[in-house]
Amino acid sequence: IVEYDRRHRGTDVETCRAAAVHRACELLQQLTVLDHSMLDEPLLVETQIDPSGAMILTRSTVCREVAFVISHTIHHNAIVAQLLAGRGVTLGARFGVAPATPLESQTAACAR
């Protein structure tokens, strides 16, 4: 069971950049050697659905959860890009933009 909402809080990964980078590198290494047949493995995901703590279990696969993490990371990168832009720092045109989002529509929306 994947329990995103029950993860440990206040860990070094959340408070220390070096620890976060180290852990990200470890996870990337594990992903690069992951047996592709594992991607279709079923698993359950526990999700808190309201502030009272009510939880539900949904079915998923390793592949779906990896895709979710990628999408969620892009979402966070978009927030980082906006915060940095407010400080005059620009990043690559695709940073924080979903792969399916055409850059032309992003540019047009910014020009309005």
C-alpha atoms as a PDB file:
ATOM      1  CA  ILE A   1       0.000   0.000   0.000  1.00  0.00           C
ATOM      2  CA  VAL A   2       1.344   3.416  -1.006  1.00  0.00           C
ATOM      3  CA  GLU A   3       0.589   5.892   1.787  1.00  0.00           C
ATOM      4  CA  TYR A   4       1.606   9.339   0.507  1.00  0.00           C
ATOM      5  CA  ASP A   5      -0.302  11.125   3.274  1.00  0.00           C
ATOM      6  CA  ARG A   6       1.322   9.106   6.072  1.00  0.00           C
ATOM      7  CA  ARG A   7       4.914   9.879   5.117  1.00  0.00           C
ATOM      8  CA  HIS A   8       7.320  11.088   7.777  1.00  0.00           C
ATOM      9  CA  ARG A   9       7.390  14.876   8.086  1.00  0.00           C
ATOM     10  CA  GLY A  10      10.266  17.177   8.999  1.00  0.00           C
ATOM     11  CA  THR A  11      12.924  14.825   7.637  1.00  0.00           C
ATOM     12  CA  ASP A  12      16.334  15.897   6.342  1.00  0.00           C
ATOM     13  CA  VAL A  13      14.999  15.509   2.802  1.00  0.00           C
ATOM     14  CA  GLU A  14      12.479  18.284   3.533  1.00  0.00           C
ATOM     15  CA  THR A  15      14.871  20.610   5.347  1.00  0.00           C
ATOM     16  CA  CYS A  16      18.333  20.027   3.855  1.00  0.00           C
ATOM     17  CA  ARG A  17      19.013  20.635   0.155  1.00  0.00           C
ATOM     18  CA  ALA A  18      21.996  18.246   0.105  1.00  0.00           C
ATOM     19  CA  ALA A  19      19.907  15.445   1.643  1.00  0.00           C
ATOM     20  CA  ALA A  20      17.134  16.058  -0.897  1.00  0.00           C
ATOM     21  CA  VAL A  21      19.547  16.018  -3.838  1.00  0.00           C
ATOM     22  CA  HIS A  22      21.202  12.849  -2.507  1.00  0.00           C
ATOM     23  CA  ARG A  23      17.843  11.091  -2.105  1.00  0.00           C
ATOM     24  CA  ALA A  24      16.678  12.211  -5.552  1.00  0.00           C
ATOM     25  CA  CYS A  25      19.865  10.757  -7.063  1.00  0.00           C
ATOM     26  CA  GLU A  26      19.302   7.474  -5.196  1.00  0.00           C
ATOM     27  CA  LEU A  27      15.725   7.259  -6.478  1.00  0.00           C
ATOM     28  CA  LEU A  28      16.785   8.086 -10.026  1.00  0.00           C
ATOM     29  CA  GLN A  29      19.363   5.298  -9.880  1.00  0.00           C
ATOM     30  CA  GLN A  30      16.706   2.854  -8.649  1.00  0.00           C
ATOM     31  CA  LEU A  31      14.359   3.889 -11.462  1.00  0.00           C
ATOM     32  CA  THR A  32      17.015   3.406 -14.128  1.00  0.00           C
ATOM     33  CA  VAL A  33      17.555  -0.221 -13.123  1.00  0.00           C
ATOM     34  CA  LEU A  34      13.882  -0.995 -12.487  1.00  0.00           C
ATOM     35  CA  ASP A  35      12.792  -4.130 -14.308  1.00  0.00           C
ATOM     36  CA  HIS A  36      10.191  -2.880 -16.813  1.00  0.00           C
ATOM     37  CA  SER A  37       7.966  -5.849 -16.010  1.00  0.00           C
ATOM     38  CA  MET A  38       7.473  -4.261 -12.561  1.00  0.00           C
ATOM     39  CA  LEU A  39       5.669  -1.294 -14.107  1.00  0.00           C
ATOM     40  CA  ASP A  40       2.462  -3.282 -14.520  1.00  0.00           C
ATOM     41  CA  GLU A  41       2.504  -4.535 -10.916  1.00  0.00           C
ATOM     42  CA  PRO A  42      -0.722  -3.627  -9.123  1.00  0.00           C
ATOM     43  CA  LEU A  43      -0.724  -1.759  -5.841  1.00  0.00           C
ATOM     44  CA  LEU A  44      -3.122   0.090  -3.607  1.00  0.00           C
ATOM     45  CA  VAL A  45      -2.922   3.809  -2.899  1.00  0.00           C
ATOM     46  CA  GLU A  46      -4.307   5.161   0.349  1.00  0.00           C
ATOM     47  CA  THR A  47      -5.507   8.756   0.051  1.00  0.00           C
ATOM     48  CA  GLN A  48      -6.870  11.097   2.704  1.00  0.00           C
ATOM     49  CA  ILE A  49     -10.029  12.630   1.281  1.00  0.00           C
ATOM     50  CA  ASP A  50     -10.977  15.158   3.952  1.00  0.00           C
ATOM     51  CA  PRO A  51      -9.450  17.004   6.923  1.00  0.00           C
ATOM     52  CA  SER A  52     -11.087  14.647   9.447  1.00  0.00           C
ATOM     53  CA  GLY A  53      -8.704  11.926   8.308  1.00  0.00           C
ATOM     54  CA  ALA A  54     -11.089   9.789   6.258  1.00  0.00           C
ATOM     55  CA  MET A  55      -9.082   7.560   3.920  1.00  0.00           C
ATOM     56  CA  ILE A  56      -9.902   5.618   0.775  1.00  0.00           C
ATOM     57  CA  LEU A  57      -7.988   2.895  -1.032  1.00  0.00           C
ATOM     58  CA  THR A  58      -7.744   2.945  -4.809  1.00  0.00           C
ATOM     59  CA  ARG A  59      -6.113   0.540  -7.223  1.00  0.00           C
ATOM     60  CA  SER A  60      -3.123   1.614  -9.238  1.00  0.00           C
ATOM     61  CA  THR A  61       0.077   0.302 -10.794  1.00  0.00           C
ATOM     62  CA  VAL A  62       3.741   1.125 -10.349  1.00  0.00           C
ATOM     63  CA  CYS A  63       3.696   2.791 -13.783  1.00  0.00           C
ATOM     64  CA  ARG A  64       0.700   4.981 -12.907  1.00  0.00           C
ATOM     65  CA  GLU A  65       2.342   6.104  -9.663  1.00  0.00           C
ATOM     66  CA  VAL A  66       5.621   6.942 -11.420  1.00  0.00           C
ATOM     67  CA  ALA A  67       3.600   8.972 -13.955  1.00  0.00           C
ATOM     68  CA  PHE A  68       1.792  10.718 -11.083  1.00  0.00           C
ATOM     69  CA  VAL A  69       5.087  11.647  -9.408  1.00  0.00           C
ATOM     70  CA  ILE A  70       6.409  13.077 -12.684  1.00  0.00           C
ATOM     71  CA  SER A  71       3.233  15.129 -13.196  1.00  0.00           C
ATOM     72  CA  HIS A  72       3.229  16.331  -9.580  1.00  0.00           C
ATOM     73  CA  THR A  73       6.901  17.325  -9.857  1.00  0.00           C
ATOM     74  CA  ILE A  74       6.142  19.383 -12.976  1.00  0.00           C
ATOM     75  CA  HIS A  75       3.320  21.072 -11.025  1.00  0.00           C
ATOM     76  CA  HIS A  76       5.743  22.001  -8.234  1.00  0.00           C
ATOM     77  CA  ASN A  77       8.318  23.158 -10.784  1.00  0.00           C
ATOM     78  CA  ALA A  78       5.694  25.524 -12.231  1.00  0.00           C
ATOM     79  CA  ILE A  79       5.277  27.085  -8.791  1.00  0.00           C
ATOM     80  CA  VAL A  80       9.060  27.384  -8.407  1.00  0.00           C
ATOM     81  CA  ALA A  81       9.278  29.025 -11.845  1.00  0.00           C
ATOM     82  CA  GLN A  82       6.650  31.612 -10.856  1.00  0.00           C
ATOM     83  CA  LEU A  83       8.414  32.393  -7.573  1.00  0.00           C
ATOM     84  CA  LEU A  84      11.747  32.784  -9.346  1.00  0.00           C
ATOM     85  CA  ALA A  85      10.200  34.914 -12.104  1.00  0.00           C
ATOM     86  CA  GLY A  86       8.988  37.258  -9.384  1.00  0.00           C
ATOM     87  CA  ARG A  87      12.638  37.694  -8.431  1.00  0.00           C
ATOM     88  CA  GLY A  88      13.743  38.256 -12.024  1.00  0.00           C
ATOM     89  CA  VAL A  89      15.133  34.745 -12.560  1.00  0.00           C
ATOM     90  CA  THR A  90      14.034  33.024 -15.761  1.00  0.00           C
ATOM     91  CA  LEU A  91      14.337  29.342 -16.467  1.00  0.00           C
ATOM     92  CA  GLY A  92      14.093  27.266 -19.627  1.00  0.00           C
ATOM     93  CA  ALA A  93      10.857  27.652 -21.565  1.00  0.00           C
ATOM     94  CA  ARG A  94       9.745  24.088 -20.726  1.00  0.00           C
ATOM     95  CA  PHE A  95      10.550  24.194 -16.996  1.00  0.00           C
ATOM     96  CA  GLY A  96       7.312  23.623 -15.093  1.00  0.00           C
ATOM     97  CA  VAL A  97       5.300  23.081 -18.274  1.00  0.00           C
ATOM     98  CA  ALA A  98       3.553  19.758 -18.866  1.00  0.00           C
ATOM     99  CA  PRO A  99       4.961  17.845 -21.869  1.00  0.00           C
ATOM    100  CA  ALA A 100       1.570  17.960 -23.621  1.00  0.00           C
ATOM    101  CA  THR A 101       1.310  21.755 -23.312  1.00  0.00           C
ATOM    102  CA  PRO A 102       2.342  23.443 -26.562  1.00  0.00           C
ATOM    103  CA  LEU A 103       4.741  26.312 -25.927  1.00  0.00           C
ATOM    104  CA  GLU A 104       2.872  28.399 -28.510  1.00  0.00           C
ATOM    105  CA  SER A 105      -0.272  28.468 -26.326  1.00  0.00           C
ATOM    106  CA  GLN A 106       1.804  29.330 -23.270  1.00  0.00           C
ATOM    107  CA  THR A 107       3.462  32.229 -25.085  1.00  0.00           C
ATOM    108  CA  ALA A 108       0.134  33.473 -26.447  1.00  0.00           C
ATOM    109  CA  ALA A 109      -1.445  33.393 -22.991  1.00  0.00           C
ATOM    110  CA  CYS A 110       1.449  35.393 -21.521  1.00  0.00           C
ATOM    111  CA  ALA A 111       1.174  38.029 -24.247  1.00  0.00           C
ATOM    112  CA  ARG A 112      -2.444  38.827 -23.393  1.00  0.00           C
END
